[in-house]
Amino acid sequence: MRLYVGNLNFDTTEDTLRDHFAAHGTVEEVAIITDRETGRPRGFAFVTMASEDDGRKAIEELGGKELEGRTLNVNQARERQSGGPRRDRY
């Protein structure tokens, strides 16, 4: 299960997130999202847990909890929406 993790401290590392989530199940992947132009973290990440049970457990246990001074938002990630009709600017 892929999880969205928001409201991250900009100094949080992938290793820190992996360790934090591993206490609640098997972590397969961690990806902290960065700005394309600056390379700086954007304050959110995606964590892939090995199973839906592990994902649900992580959502319940870590959502609303503090990590490095910030209260985490943890939800099941939604698939990216493909672009709708283009709105041209006149």
PDB file of N, CA and C in Angstrom:
ATOM      1  N   MET A   1       0.850  -1.177   0.000  1.00  0.00           N
ATOM      2  CA  MET A   1       0.000   0.000   0.000  1.00  0.00           C
ATOM      3  C   MET A   1       0.895   1.239   0.000  1.00  0.00           C
ATOM      4  N   ARG A   2       0.584   2.147  -0.896  1.00  0.00           N
ATOM      5  CA  ARG A   2       1.358   3.383  -0.995  1.00  0.00           C
ATOM      6  C   ARG A   2       0.687   4.461  -0.151  1.00  0.00           C
ATOM      7  N   LEU A   3       1.496   5.120   0.706  1.00  0.00           N
ATOM      8  CA  LEU A   3       0.984   6.134   1.620  1.00  0.00           C
ATOM      9  C   LEU A   3       1.536   7.506   1.261  1.00  0.00           C
ATOM     10  N   TYR A   4       0.690   8.508   1.416  1.00  0.00           N
ATOM     11  CA  TYR A   4       1.101   9.905   1.317  1.00  0.00           C
ATOM     12  C   TYR A   4       1.429  10.368   2.736  1.00  0.00           C
ATOM     13  N   VAL A   5       2.591  10.986   2.910  1.00  0.00           N
ATOM     14  CA  VAL A   5       2.995  11.506   4.211  1.00  0.00           C
ATOM     15  C   VAL A   5       3.267  12.995   4.044  1.00  0.00           C
ATOM     16  N   GLY A   6       2.422  13.820   4.642  1.00  0.00           N
ATOM     17  CA  GLY A   6       2.539  15.262   4.488  1.00  0.00           C
ATOM     18  C   GLY A   6       2.938  15.958   5.767  1.00  0.00           C
ATOM     19  N   ASN A   7       3.294  17.235   5.620  1.00  0.00           N
ATOM     20  CA  ASN A   7       3.709  18.117   6.714  1.00  0.00           C
ATOM     21  C   ASN A   7       5.041  17.686   7.316  1.00  0.00           C
ATOM     22  N   LEU A   8       5.944  17.224   6.448  1.00  0.00           N
ATOM     23  CA  LEU A   8       7.265  16.807   6.916  1.00  0.00           C
ATOM     24  C   LEU A   8       8.162  17.997   7.205  1.00  0.00           C
ATOM     25  N   ASN A   9       9.027  17.824   8.178  1.00  0.00           N
ATOM     26  CA  ASN A   9      10.101  18.769   8.425  1.00  0.00           C
ATOM     27  C   ASN A   9      11.016  18.710   7.201  1.00  0.00           C
ATOM     28  N   PHE A  10      11.497  19.834   6.737  1.00  0.00           N
ATOM     29  CA  PHE A  10      12.324  19.860   5.531  1.00  0.00           C
ATOM     30  C   PHE A  10      13.669  19.159   5.733  1.00  0.00           C
ATOM     31  N   ASP A  11      14.052  18.894   6.979  1.00  0.00           N
ATOM     32  CA  ASP A  11      15.303  18.192   7.268  1.00  0.00           C
ATOM     33  C   ASP A  11      15.119  16.680   7.427  1.00  0.00           C
ATOM     34  N   THR A  12      13.889  16.196   7.348  1.00  0.00           N
ATOM     35  CA  THR A  12      13.633  14.759   7.485  1.00  0.00           C
ATOM     36  C   THR A  12      14.262  14.015   6.314  1.00  0.00           C
ATOM     37  N   THR A  13      14.928  12.905   6.617  1.00  0.00           N
ATOM     38  CA  THR A  13      15.586  12.099   5.577  1.00  0.00           C
ATOM     39  C   THR A  13      14.771  10.845   5.277  1.00  0.00           C
ATOM     40  N   GLU A  14      15.088  10.203   4.158  1.00  0.00           N
ATOM     41  CA  GLU A  14      14.429   8.949   3.804  1.00  0.00           C
ATOM     42  C   GLU A  14      14.712   7.885   4.858  1.00  0.00           C
ATOM     43  N   ASP A  15      15.928   7.861   5.396  1.00  0.00           N
ATOM     44  CA  ASP A  15      16.263   6.880   6.434  1.00  0.00           C
ATOM     45  C   ASP A  15      15.424   7.093   7.690  1.00  0.00           C
ATOM     46  N   THR A  16      15.227   8.349   8.077  1.00  0.00           N
ATOM     47  CA  THR A  16      14.413   8.657   9.249  1.00  0.00           C
ATOM     48  C   THR A  16      12.985   8.169   9.040  1.00  0.00           C
ATOM     49  N   LEU A  17      12.416   8.462   7.862  1.00  0.00           N
ATOM     50  CA  LEU A  17      11.057   8.013   7.564  1.00  0.00           C
ATOM     51  C   LEU A  17      10.969   6.490   7.546  1.00  0.00           C
ATOM     52  N   ARG A  18      11.939   5.849   6.910  1.00  0.00           N
ATOM     53  CA  ARG A  18      11.945   4.385   6.838  1.00  0.00           C
ATOM     54  C   ARG A  18      11.941   3.789   8.247  1.00  0.00           C
ATOM     55  N   ASP A  19      12.805   4.294   9.120  1.00  0.00           N
ATOM     56  CA  ASP A  19      12.877   3.790  10.492  1.00  0.00           C
ATOM     57  C   ASP A  19      11.567   4.023  11.243  1.00  0.00           C
ATOM     58  N   HIS A  20      10.982   5.200  11.059  1.00  0.00           N
ATOM     59  CA  HIS A  20       9.738   5.563  11.753  1.00  0.00           C
ATOM     60  C   HIS A  20       8.583   4.650  11.330  1.00  0.00           C
ATOM     61  N   PHE A  21       8.478   4.377  10.029  1.00  0.00           N
ATOM     62  CA  PHE A  21       7.389   3.552   9.517  1.00  0.00           C
ATOM     63  C   PHE A  21       7.659   2.063   9.722  1.00  0.00           C
ATOM     64  N   ALA A  22       8.912   1.652   9.775  1.00  0.00           N
ATOM     65  CA  ALA A  22       9.254   0.233   9.941  1.00  0.00           C
ATOM     66  C   ALA A  22       8.768  -0.319  11.278  1.00  0.00           C
ATOM     67  N   ALA A  23       8.554   0.542  12.248  1.00  0.00           N
ATOM     68  CA  ALA A  23       8.031   0.096  13.538  1.00  0.00           C
ATOM     69  C   ALA A  23       6.580  -0.379  13.416  1.00  0.00           C
ATOM     70  N   HIS A  24       5.944  -0.110  12.254  1.00  0.00           N
ATOM     71  CA  HIS A  24       4.534  -0.442  12.070  1.00  0.00           C
ATOM     72  C   HIS A  24       4.308  -1.401  10.903  1.00  0.00           C
ATOM     73  N   GLY A  25       5.377  -1.955  10.343  1.00  0.00           N
ATOM     74  CA  GLY A  25       5.257  -2.904   9.241  1.00  0.00           C
ATOM     75  C   GLY A  25       6.472  -2.844   8.341  1.00  0.00           C
ATOM     76  N   THR A  26       6.451  -3.638   7.285  1.00  0.00           N
ATOM     77  CA  THR A  26       7.565  -3.712   6.352  1.00  0.00           C
ATOM     78  C   THR A  26       7.489  -2.576   5.333  1.00  0.00           C
ATOM     79  N   VAL A  27       8.563  -1.801   5.256  1.00  0.00           N
ATOM     80  CA  VAL A  27       8.640  -0.672   4.321  1.00  0.00           C
ATOM     81  C   VAL A  27       9.365  -1.140   3.063  1.00  0.00           C
ATOM     82  N   GLU A  28       8.728  -0.965   1.919  1.00  0.00           N
ATOM     83  CA  GLU A  28       9.346  -1.351   0.655  1.00  0.00           C
ATOM     84  C   GLU A  28      10.095  -0.197  -0.008  1.00  0.00           C
ATOM     85  N   GLU A  29       9.540   1.020   0.104  1.00  0.00           N
ATOM     86  CA  GLU A  29      10.159   2.162  -0.574  1.00  0.00           C
ATOM     87  C   GLU A  29       9.786   3.451   0.134  1.00  0.00           C
ATOM     88  N   VAL A  30      10.714   4.403   0.129  1.00  0.00           N
ATOM     89  CA  VAL A  30      10.476   5.745   0.658  1.00  0.00           C
ATOM     90  C   VAL A  30      10.965   6.742  -0.387  1.00  0.00           C
ATOM     91  N   ALA A  31      10.133   7.719  -0.713  1.00  0.00           N
ATOM     92  CA  ALA A  31      10.519   8.746  -1.685  1.00  0.00           C
ATOM     93  C   ALA A  31      10.091  10.114  -1.163  1.00  0.00           C
ATOM     94  N   ILE A  32      11.073  10.931  -0.775  1.00  0.00           N
ATOM     95  CA  ILE A  32      10.796  12.308  -0.386  1.00  0.00           C
ATOM     96  C   ILE A  32      10.777  13.140  -1.660  1.00  0.00           C
ATOM     97  N   ILE A  33       9.709  13.879  -1.854  1.00  0.00           N
ATOM     98  CA  ILE A  33       9.523  14.649  -3.082  1.00  0.00           C
ATOM     99  C   ILE A  33      10.262  15.982  -2.971  1.00  0.00           C
ATOM    100  N   THR A  34      11.016  16.290  -4.011  1.00  0.00           N
ATOM    101  CA  THR A  34      11.808  17.523  -4.034  1.00  0.00           C
ATOM    102  C   THR A  34      11.359  18.430  -5.172  1.00  0.00           C
ATOM    103  N   ASP A  35      11.653  19.705  -5.022  1.00  0.00           N
ATOM    104  CA  ASP A  35      11.368  20.697  -6.051  1.00  0.00           C
ATOM    105  C   ASP A  35      12.289  20.452  -7.239  1.00  0.00           C
ATOM    106  N   ARG A  36      11.750  20.462  -8.435  1.00  0.00           N
ATOM    107  CA  ARG A  36      12.554  20.192  -9.640  1.00  0.00           C
ATOM    108  C   ARG A  36      13.647  21.226  -9.867  1.00  0.00           C
ATOM    109  N   GLU A  37      13.340  22.475  -9.574  1.00  0.00           N
ATOM    110  CA  GLU A  37      14.291  23.545  -9.858  1.00  0.00           C
ATOM    111  C   GLU A  37      15.362  23.692  -8.786  1.00  0.00           C
ATOM    112  N   THR A  38      14.967  23.606  -7.511  1.00  0.00           N
ATOM    113  CA  THR A  38      15.921  23.865  -6.424  1.00  0.00           C
ATOM    114  C   THR A  38      16.494  22.595  -5.806  1.00  0.00           C
ATOM    115  N   GLY A  39      15.781  21.467  -5.968  1.00  0.00           N
ATOM    116  CA  GLY A  39      16.220  20.223  -5.337  1.00  0.00           C
ATOM    117  C   GLY A  39      15.891  20.136  -3.858  1.00  0.00           C
ATOM    118  N   ARG A  40      15.245  21.158  -3.328  1.00  0.00           N
ATOM    119  CA  ARG A  40      14.878  21.162  -1.905  1.00  0.00           C
ATOM    120  C   ARG A  40      13.621  20.332  -1.682  1.00  0.00           C
ATOM    121  N   PRO A  41      13.505  19.705  -0.505  1.00  0.00           N
ATOM    122  CA  PRO A  41      12.296  18.931  -0.195  1.00  0.00           C
ATOM    123  C   PRO A  41      11.057  19.827  -0.207  1.00  0.00           C
ATOM    124  N   ARG A  42       9.931  19.246  -0.639  1.00  0.00           N
ATOM    125  CA  ARG A  42       8.677  19.996  -0.709  1.00  0.00           C
ATOM    126  C   ARG A  42       7.792  19.768   0.505  1.00  0.00           C
ATOM    127  N   GLY A  43       8.248  18.944   1.461  1.00  0.00           N
ATOM    128  CA  GLY A  43       7.486  18.758   2.691  1.00  0.00           C
ATOM    129  C   GLY A  43       6.551  17.572   2.681  1.00  0.00           C
ATOM    130  N   PHE A  44       6.669  16.710   1.668  1.00  0.00           N
ATOM    131  CA  PHE A  44       5.862  15.496   1.671  1.00  0.00           C
ATOM    132  C   PHE A  44       6.629  14.357   1.018  1.00  0.00           C
ATOM    133  N   ALA A  45       6.139  13.145   1.267  1.00  0.00           N
ATOM    134  CA  ALA A  45       6.805  11.955   0.753  1.00  0.00           C
ATOM    135  C   ALA A  45       5.774  10.872   0.482  1.00  0.00           C
ATOM    136  N   PHE A  46       6.232   9.822  -0.167  1.00  0.00           N
ATOM    137  CA  PHE A  46       5.433   8.623  -0.359  1.00  0.00           C
ATOM    138  C   PHE A  46       6.192   7.462   0.257  1.00  0.00           C
ATOM    139  N   VAL A  47       5.475   6.672   1.050  1.00  0.00           N
ATOM    140  CA  VAL A  47       6.049   5.488   1.683  1.00  0.00           C
ATOM    141  C   VAL A  47       5.228   4.301   1.216  1.00  0.00           C
ATOM    142  N   THR A  48       5.893   3.295   0.662  1.00  0.00           N
ATOM    143  CA  THR A  48       5.202   2.089   0.221  1.00  0.00           C
ATOM    144  C   THR A  48       5.409   0.998   1.254  1.00  0.00           C
ATOM    145  N   MET A  49       4.295   0.544   1.810  1.00  0.00           N
ATOM    146  CA  MET A  49       4.314  -0.531   2.795  1.00  0.00           C
ATOM    147  C   MET A  49       4.064  -1.857   2.070  1.00  0.00           C
ATOM    148  N   ALA A  50       4.559  -2.972   2.647  1.00  0.00           N
ATOM    149  CA  ALA A  50       4.501  -4.274   1.991  1.00  0.00           C
ATOM    150  C   ALA A  50       3.083  -4.808   1.824  1.00  0.00           C
ATOM    151  N   SER A  51       2.179  -4.447   2.716  1.00  0.00           N
ATOM    152  CA  SER A  51       0.817  -4.973   2.623  1.00  0.00           C
ATOM    153  C   SER A  51      -0.189  -3.891   3.013  1.00  0.00           C
ATOM    154  N   GLU A  52      -1.445  -4.165   2.688  1.00  0.00           N
ATOM    155  CA  GLU A  52      -2.502  -3.225   3.079  1.00  0.00           C
ATOM    156  C   GLU A  52      -2.640  -3.173   4.591  1.00  0.00           C
ATOM    157  N   ASP A  53      -2.468  -4.309   5.257  1.00  0.00           N
ATOM    158  CA  ASP A  53      -2.544  -4.327   6.719  1.00  0.00           C
ATOM    159  C   ASP A  53      -1.471  -3.436   7.331  1.00  0.00           C
ATOM    160  N   ASP A  54      -0.232  -3.539   6.814  1.00  0.00           N
ATOM    161  CA  ASP A  54       0.852  -2.681   7.306  1.00  0.00           C
ATOM    162  C   ASP A  54       0.535  -1.211   7.043  1.00  0.00           C
ATOM    163  N   GLY A  55      -0.019  -0.929   5.852  1.00  0.00           N
ATOM    164  CA  GLY A  55      -0.374   0.443   5.507  1.00  0.00           C
ATOM    165  C   GLY A  55      -1.442   1.014   6.424  1.00  0.00           C
ATOM    166  N   ARG A  56      -2.495   0.222   6.669  1.00  0.00           N
ATOM    167  CA  ARG A  56      -3.568   0.687   7.548  1.00  0.00           C
ATOM    168  C   ARG A  56      -3.055   0.917   8.967  1.00  0.00           C
ATOM    169  N   LYS A  57      -2.188   0.016   9.421  1.00  0.00           N
ATOM    170  CA  LYS A  57      -1.621   0.144  10.756  1.00  0.00           C
ATOM    171  C   LYS A  57      -0.790   1.432  10.855  1.00  0.00           C
ATOM    172  N   ALA A  58       0.003   1.719   9.835  1.00  0.00           N
ATOM    173  CA  ALA A  58       0.821   2.936   9.833  1.00  0.00           C
ATOM    174  C   ALA A  58      -0.055   4.188   9.817  1.00  0.00           C
ATOM    175  N   ILE A  59      -1.134   4.169   9.033  1.00  0.00           N
ATOM    176  CA  ILE A  59      -2.050   5.317   8.989  1.00  0.00           C
ATOM    177  C   ILE A  59      -2.640   5.568  10.371  1.00  0.00           C
ATOM    178  N   GLU A  60      -3.108   4.497  11.005  1.00  0.00           N
ATOM    179  CA  GLU A  60      -3.733   4.634  12.325  1.00  0.00           C
ATOM    180  C   GLU A  60      -2.744   5.081  13.393  1.00  0.00           C
ATOM    181  N   GLU A  61      -1.538   4.515  13.361  1.00  0.00           N
ATOM    182  CA  GLU A  61      -0.562   4.779  14.418  1.00  0.00           C
ATOM    183  C   GLU A  61       0.207   6.090  14.239  1.00  0.00           C
ATOM    184  N   LEU A  62       0.429   6.501  12.989  1.00  0.00           N
ATOM    185  CA  LEU A  62       1.302   7.655  12.753  1.00  0.00           C
ATOM    186  C   LEU A  62       0.569   8.924  12.339  1.00  0.00           C
ATOM    187  N   GLY A  63      -0.639   8.809  11.816  1.00  0.00           N
ATOM    188  CA  GLY A  63      -1.403   9.997  11.432  1.00  0.00           C
ATOM    189  C   GLY A  63      -1.675  10.862  12.648  1.00  0.00           C
ATOM    190  N   GLY A  64      -1.301  12.129  12.577  1.00  0.00           N
ATOM    191  CA  GLY A  64      -1.519  13.051  13.693  1.00  0.00           C
ATOM    192  C   GLY A  64      -0.424  13.015  14.745  1.00  0.00           C
ATOM    193  N   LYS A  65       0.569  12.137  14.557  1.00  0.00           N
ATOM    194  CA  LYS A  65       1.683  12.056  15.506  1.00  0.00           C
ATOM    195  C   LYS A  65       2.816  12.973  15.051  1.00  0.00           C
ATOM    196  N   GLU A  66       3.679  13.328  15.985  1.00  0.00           N
ATOM    197  CA  GLU A  66       4.757  14.262  15.697  1.00  0.00           C
ATOM    198  C   GLU A  66       6.035  13.532  15.284  1.00  0.00           C
ATOM    199  N   LEU A  67       6.715  14.087  14.282  1.00  0.00           N
ATOM    200  CA  LEU A  67       8.034  13.621  13.847  1.00  0.00           C
ATOM    201  C   LEU A  67       8.879  14.854  13.582  1.00  0.00           C
ATOM    202  N   GLU A  68       9.973  14.976  14.316  1.00  0.00           N
ATOM    203  CA  GLU A  68      10.904  16.090  14.151  1.00  0.00           C
ATOM    204  C   GLU A  68      10.194  17.445  14.215  1.00  0.00           C
ATOM    205  N   GLY A  69       9.274  17.563  15.187  1.00  0.00           N
ATOM    206  CA  GLY A  69       8.614  18.839  15.432  1.00  0.00           C
ATOM    207  C   GLY A  69       7.427  19.150  14.552  1.00  0.00           C
ATOM    208  N   ARG A  70       7.022  18.235  13.692  1.00  0.00           N
ATOM    209  CA  ARG A  70       5.883  18.470  12.799  1.00  0.00           C
ATOM    210  C   ARG A  70       4.852  17.364  12.974  1.00  0.00           C
ATOM    211  N   THR A  71       3.564  17.713  12.918  1.00  0.00           N
ATOM    212  CA  THR A  71       2.489  16.738  13.022  1.00  0.00           C
ATOM    213  C   THR A  71       2.230  16.127  11.646  1.00  0.00           C
ATOM    214  N   LEU A  72       2.393  14.813  11.537  1.00  0.00           N
ATOM    215  CA  LEU A  72       2.283  14.133  10.249  1.00  0.00           C
ATOM    216  C   LEU A  72       0.841  13.965   9.786  1.00  0.00           C
ATOM    217  N   ASN A  73       0.650  14.133   8.477  1.00  0.00           N
ATOM    218  CA  ASN A  73      -0.587  13.755   7.805  1.00  0.00           C
ATOM    219  C   ASN A  73      -0.261  12.471   7.053  1.00  0.00           C
ATOM    220  N   VAL A  74      -0.940  11.384   7.382  1.00  0.00           N
ATOM    221  CA  VAL A  74      -0.669  10.105   6.731  1.00  0.00           C
ATOM    222  C   VAL A  74      -1.979   9.553   6.183  1.00  0.00           C
ATOM    223  N   ASN A  75      -2.019   9.332   4.869  1.00  0.00           N
ATOM    224  CA  ASN A  75      -3.213   8.829   4.191  1.00  0.00           C
ATOM    225  C   ASN A  75      -2.802   7.854   3.097  1.00  0.00           C
ATOM    226  N   GLN A  76      -3.762   7.062   2.642  1.00  0.00           N
ATOM    227  CA  GLN A  76      -3.486   6.225   1.478  1.00  0.00           C
ATOM    228  C   GLN A  76      -3.321   7.155   0.286  1.00  0.00           C
ATOM    229  N   ALA A  77      -2.271   6.928  -0.482  1.00  0.00           N
ATOM    230  CA  ALA A  77      -2.008   7.780  -1.643  1.00  0.00           C
ATOM    231  C   ALA A  77      -3.056   7.524  -2.718  1.00  0.00           C
ATOM    232  N   ARG A  78      -3.465   8.577  -3.371  1.00  0.00           N
ATOM    233  CA  ARG A  78      -4.392   8.457  -4.489  1.00  0.00           C
ATOM    234  C   ARG A  78      -3.597   8.481  -5.783  1.00  0.00           C
ATOM    235  N   GLU A  79      -4.106   7.792  -6.775  1.00  0.00           N
ATOM    236  CA  GLU A  79      -3.450   7.815  -8.073  1.00  0.00           C
ATOM    237  C   GLU A  79      -3.521   9.226  -8.645  1.00  0.00           C
ATOM    238  N   ARG A  80      -2.472   9.614  -9.313  1.00  0.00           N
ATOM    239  CA  ARG A  80      -2.431  10.939  -9.916  1.00  0.00           C
ATOM    240  C   ARG A  80      -3.509  11.042 -10.981  1.00  0.00           C
ATOM    241  N   GLN A  81      -4.256  12.131 -10.938  1.00  0.00           N
ATOM    242  CA  GLN A  81      -5.319  12.350 -11.919  1.00  0.00           C
ATOM    243  C   GLN A  81      -4.695  12.785 -13.236  1.00  0.00           C
ATOM    244  N   SER A  82      -5.136  12.167 -14.329  1.00  0.00           N
ATOM    245  CA  SER A  82      -4.648  12.619 -15.628  1.00  0.00           C
ATOM    246  C   SER A  82      -5.304  13.967 -15.922  1.00  0.00           C
ATOM    247  N   GLY A  83      -4.632  14.741 -16.703  1.00  0.00           N
ATOM    248  CA  GLY A  83      -5.125  16.089 -16.988  1.00  0.00           C
ATOM    249  C   GLY A  83      -6.487  16.061 -17.661  1.00  0.00           C
ATOM    250  N   GLY A  84      -7.333  16.927 -17.224  1.00  0.00           N
ATOM    251  CA  GLY A  84      -8.660  17.046 -17.810  1.00  0.00           C
ATOM    252  C   GLY A  84      -8.586  17.898 -19.059  1.00  0.00           C
ATOM    253  N   PRO A  85      -9.700  18.452 -19.465  1.00  0.00           N
ATOM    254  CA  PRO A  85      -9.690  19.303 -20.639  1.00  0.00           C
ATOM    255  C   PRO A  85      -8.796  20.517 -20.420  1.00  0.00           C
ATOM    256  N   ARG A  86      -8.045  20.848 -21.411  1.00  0.00           N
ATOM    257  CA  ARG A  86      -7.130  21.984 -21.309  1.00  0.00           C
ATOM    258  C   ARG A  86      -7.918  23.287 -21.402  1.00  0.00           C
ATOM    259  N   ARG A  87      -7.560  24.178 -20.523  1.00  0.00           N
ATOM    260  CA  ARG A  87      -8.203  25.499 -20.544  1.00  0.00           C
ATOM    261  C   ARG A  87      -7.190  26.498 -21.072  1.00  0.00           C
ATOM    262  N   ASP A  88      -7.412  26.918 -22.302  1.00  0.00           N
ATOM    263  CA  ASP A  88      -6.503  27.895 -22.893  1.00  0.00           C
ATOM    264  C   ASP A  88      -6.796  29.276 -22.332  1.00  0.00           C
ATOM    265  N   ARG A  89      -5.741  30.027 -22.178  1.00  0.00           N
ATOM    266  CA  ARG A  89      -5.901  31.404 -21.686  1.00  0.00           C
ATOM    267  C   ARG A  89      -5.919  32.336 -22.860  1.00  0.00           C
ATOM    268  N   TYR A  90      -6.875  33.242 -22.852  1.00  0.00           N
ATOM    269  CA  TYR A  90      -6.993  34.190 -23.966  1.00  0.00           C
ATOM    270  C   TYR A  90      -6.503  35.544 -23.554  1.00  0.00           C
TER     271      TYR A  90
END
